[in-house]
């Protein structure tokens, strides 16, 4: 059965609200806490992992390159210069590449092209399956060179 992330997020919000109510005895604080917790858990959907990385990298790219200025002046007989350089070309290129690669992986994952690869975060690689029987022994030989 595939879980619906929206229902899981709402359940997380309700549980956080109940815990907050039990700790504070205030329904207002519980409501104020449960709404952002639900929003944050919706935002942290594992299916949107690569999209979030692309958004973060692109936001950093815009933020680092947006506020470049230089101001010179004289105050109380002292000349001064205020300067904020843009990000270097290497930083800009690196953040741009991260954004593009993350968006590509997001669309590949969305279309099911990453299934079975090491980039498939939807699989549970820790499950072994069902092991039946008694007195199960695992023999492992490690050859050290």
Protein backbone atom coordinates (compact mmCIF):
# COMPACT_ATOMS: atom_id res chain seq x y z
CA UNK A 1 0.00 0.00 0.00
CA UNK A 2 1.36 3.36 -0.98
CA UNK A 3 0.95 6.06 1.66
CA UNK A 4 -0.45 9.42 0.71
CA UNK A 5 2.01 12.06 1.93
CA UNK A 6 -0.72 14.65 2.44
CA UNK A 7 -2.53 12.40 4.92
CA UNK A 8 0.74 11.58 6.67
CA UNK A 9 1.53 15.32 6.97
CA UNK A 10 -1.91 16.08 8.41
CA UNK A 11 -1.48 13.22 10.88
CA UNK A 12 1.93 14.59 11.90
CA UNK A 13 0.34 18.02 12.44
CA UNK A 14 -2.47 16.57 14.54
CA UNK A 15 -0.05 14.55 16.66
CA UNK A 16 2.15 17.62 17.22
CA UNK A 17 -0.94 19.62 18.21
CA UNK A 18 -2.03 16.95 20.69
CA UNK A 19 1.44 16.79 22.21
CA UNK A 20 1.57 20.59 22.46
CA UNK A 21 -1.87 20.62 24.11
CA UNK A 22 -0.83 17.97 26.62
CA UNK A 23 2.33 19.91 27.48
CA UNK A 24 0.83 23.41 27.65
CA UNK A 25 -2.93 22.91 28.30
CA UNK A 26 -3.59 25.64 25.71
CA UNK A 27 -5.51 24.87 22.53
CA UNK A 28 -4.30 28.15 21.00
CA UNK A 29 -0.65 27.16 21.28
CA UNK A 30 -1.48 23.69 19.99
CA UNK A 31 -3.23 25.15 16.95
CA UNK A 32 -0.46 27.68 16.33
CA UNK A 33 2.10 24.84 16.46
CA UNK A 34 0.20 22.21 14.45
CA UNK A 35 -0.41 24.40 11.38
CA UNK A 36 3.28 25.14 10.60
CA UNK A 37 4.28 21.57 11.47
CA UNK A 38 1.77 20.32 8.91
CA UNK A 39 3.09 22.80 6.35
CA UNK A 40 6.71 21.85 7.01
CA UNK A 41 5.95 18.14 6.74
CA UNK A 42 4.11 18.78 3.45
CA UNK A 43 7.17 20.69 2.23
CA UNK A 44 9.51 17.84 3.23
CA UNK A 45 7.81 15.32 0.94
CA UNK A 46 10.51 12.80 -0.06
CA UNK A 47 9.22 12.80 -3.64
CA UNK A 48 10.27 16.46 -3.95
CA UNK A 49 13.85 16.00 -2.70
CA UNK A 50 15.55 17.05 -5.94
CA UNK A 51 13.07 19.90 -6.50
CA UNK A 52 13.92 21.33 -3.06
CA UNK A 53 17.64 21.15 -3.78
CA UNK A 54 17.07 22.98 -7.07
CA UNK A 55 15.00 25.66 -5.32
CA UNK A 56 17.63 26.16 -2.60
CA UNK A 57 20.51 26.38 -5.08
CA UNK A 58 18.62 28.74 -7.40
CA UNK A 59 17.59 30.94 -4.45
CA UNK A 60 21.22 31.14 -3.32
CA UNK A 61 22.22 31.97 -6.89
CA UNK A 62 19.72 34.84 -7.04
CA UNK A 63 20.52 36.05 -3.53
CA UNK A 64 24.26 36.15 -4.07
CA UNK A 65 24.05 37.94 -7.39
CA UNK A 66 21.19 40.32 -6.72
CA UNK A 67 22.62 42.73 -4.19
CA UNK A 68 25.81 44.09 -5.75
CA UNK A 69 26.50 47.74 -5.04
CA UNK A 70 29.26 50.25 -4.49
CA UNK A 71 28.82 53.56 -2.71
CA UNK A 72 31.49 56.17 -2.06
CA UNK A 73 31.13 59.29 -0.03
CA UNK A 74 32.52 61.64 2.51
CA UNK A 75 31.27 61.84 6.08
CA UNK A 76 32.73 64.21 8.66
CA UNK A 77 35.75 64.82 6.44
CA UNK A 78 36.48 61.10 6.02
CA UNK A 79 36.12 59.49 2.62
CA UNK A 80 34.60 56.02 2.62
CA UNK A 81 33.58 53.30 0.21
CA UNK A 82 30.87 50.73 0.83
CA UNK A 83 31.10 47.82 -1.53
CA UNK A 84 29.33 44.52 -1.91
CA UNK A 85 30.64 42.44 -4.79
CA UNK A 86 28.65 39.81 -6.53
CA UNK A 87 29.45 36.18 -6.15
CA UNK A 88 32.43 34.96 -8.12
CA UNK A 89 31.93 33.33 -11.50
CA UNK A 90 32.87 29.96 -10.02
CA UNK A 91 30.17 30.20 -7.34
CA UNK A 92 27.59 31.33 -9.88
CA UNK A 93 28.46 28.51 -12.29
CA UNK A 94 28.49 25.91 -9.49
CA UNK A 95 25.06 26.95 -8.16
CA UNK A 96 23.66 27.04 -11.69
CA UNK A 97 24.94 23.54 -12.40
CA UNK A 98 23.50 22.24 -9.12
CA UNK A 99 20.13 23.79 -10.00
CA UNK A 100 20.04 22.29 -13.49
CA UNK A 101 21.22 18.83 -12.43
CA UNK A 102 18.74 18.73 -9.55
CA UNK A 103 15.87 19.74 -11.83
CA UNK A 104 16.90 17.05 -14.30
CA UNK A 105 16.94 14.41 -11.55
CA UNK A 106 13.57 15.67 -10.32
CA UNK A 107 11.99 15.19 -13.76
CA UNK A 108 13.68 11.81 -14.20
CA UNK A 109 12.40 10.66 -10.83
CA UNK A 110 8.94 12.03 -11.57
CA UNK A 111 8.79 9.99 -14.79
CA UNK A 112 10.10 6.82 -13.10
CA UNK A 113 13.47 6.77 -14.88
CA UNK A 114 15.51 6.59 -11.63
CA UNK A 115 13.92 3.39 -10.34
CA UNK A 116 16.52 0.84 -9.36
CA UNK A 117 19.43 3.28 -9.35
CA UNK A 118 21.30 4.60 -6.33
CA UNK A 119 19.38 7.89 -6.72
CA UNK A 120 16.00 6.22 -6.11
CA UNK A 121 14.96 7.56 -2.70
CA UNK A 122 11.49 6.03 -2.85
CA UNK A 123 12.72 2.50 -2.21
CA UNK A 124 13.41 1.06 1.20
CA UNK A 125 16.88 -0.40 0.93
CA UNK A 126 16.95 -1.52 4.56
CA UNK A 127 14.25 -4.17 4.24
CA UNK A 128 15.42 -7.74 3.94
CA UNK A 129 12.08 -9.39 3.35
CA UNK A 130 10.57 -12.25 5.26
CA UNK A 131 12.94 -14.75 6.79
CA UNK A 132 11.33 -17.92 8.05
CA UNK A 133 12.72 -20.79 10.01
CA UNK A 134 14.74 -21.40 13.13
CA UNK A 135 18.45 -21.33 13.85
CA UNK A 136 19.37 -19.21 10.83
CA UNK A 137 23.12 -18.87 10.34
CA UNK A 138 24.88 -16.41 8.08
CA UNK A 139 28.42 -17.27 6.99
CA UNK A 140 30.48 -14.46 5.57
CA UNK A 141 34.05 -14.64 4.34
CA UNK A 142 35.96 -11.42 3.97
CA UNK A 143 39.17 -11.66 2.02
CA UNK A 144 41.68 -9.06 3.11
CA UNK A 145 44.52 -8.28 0.77
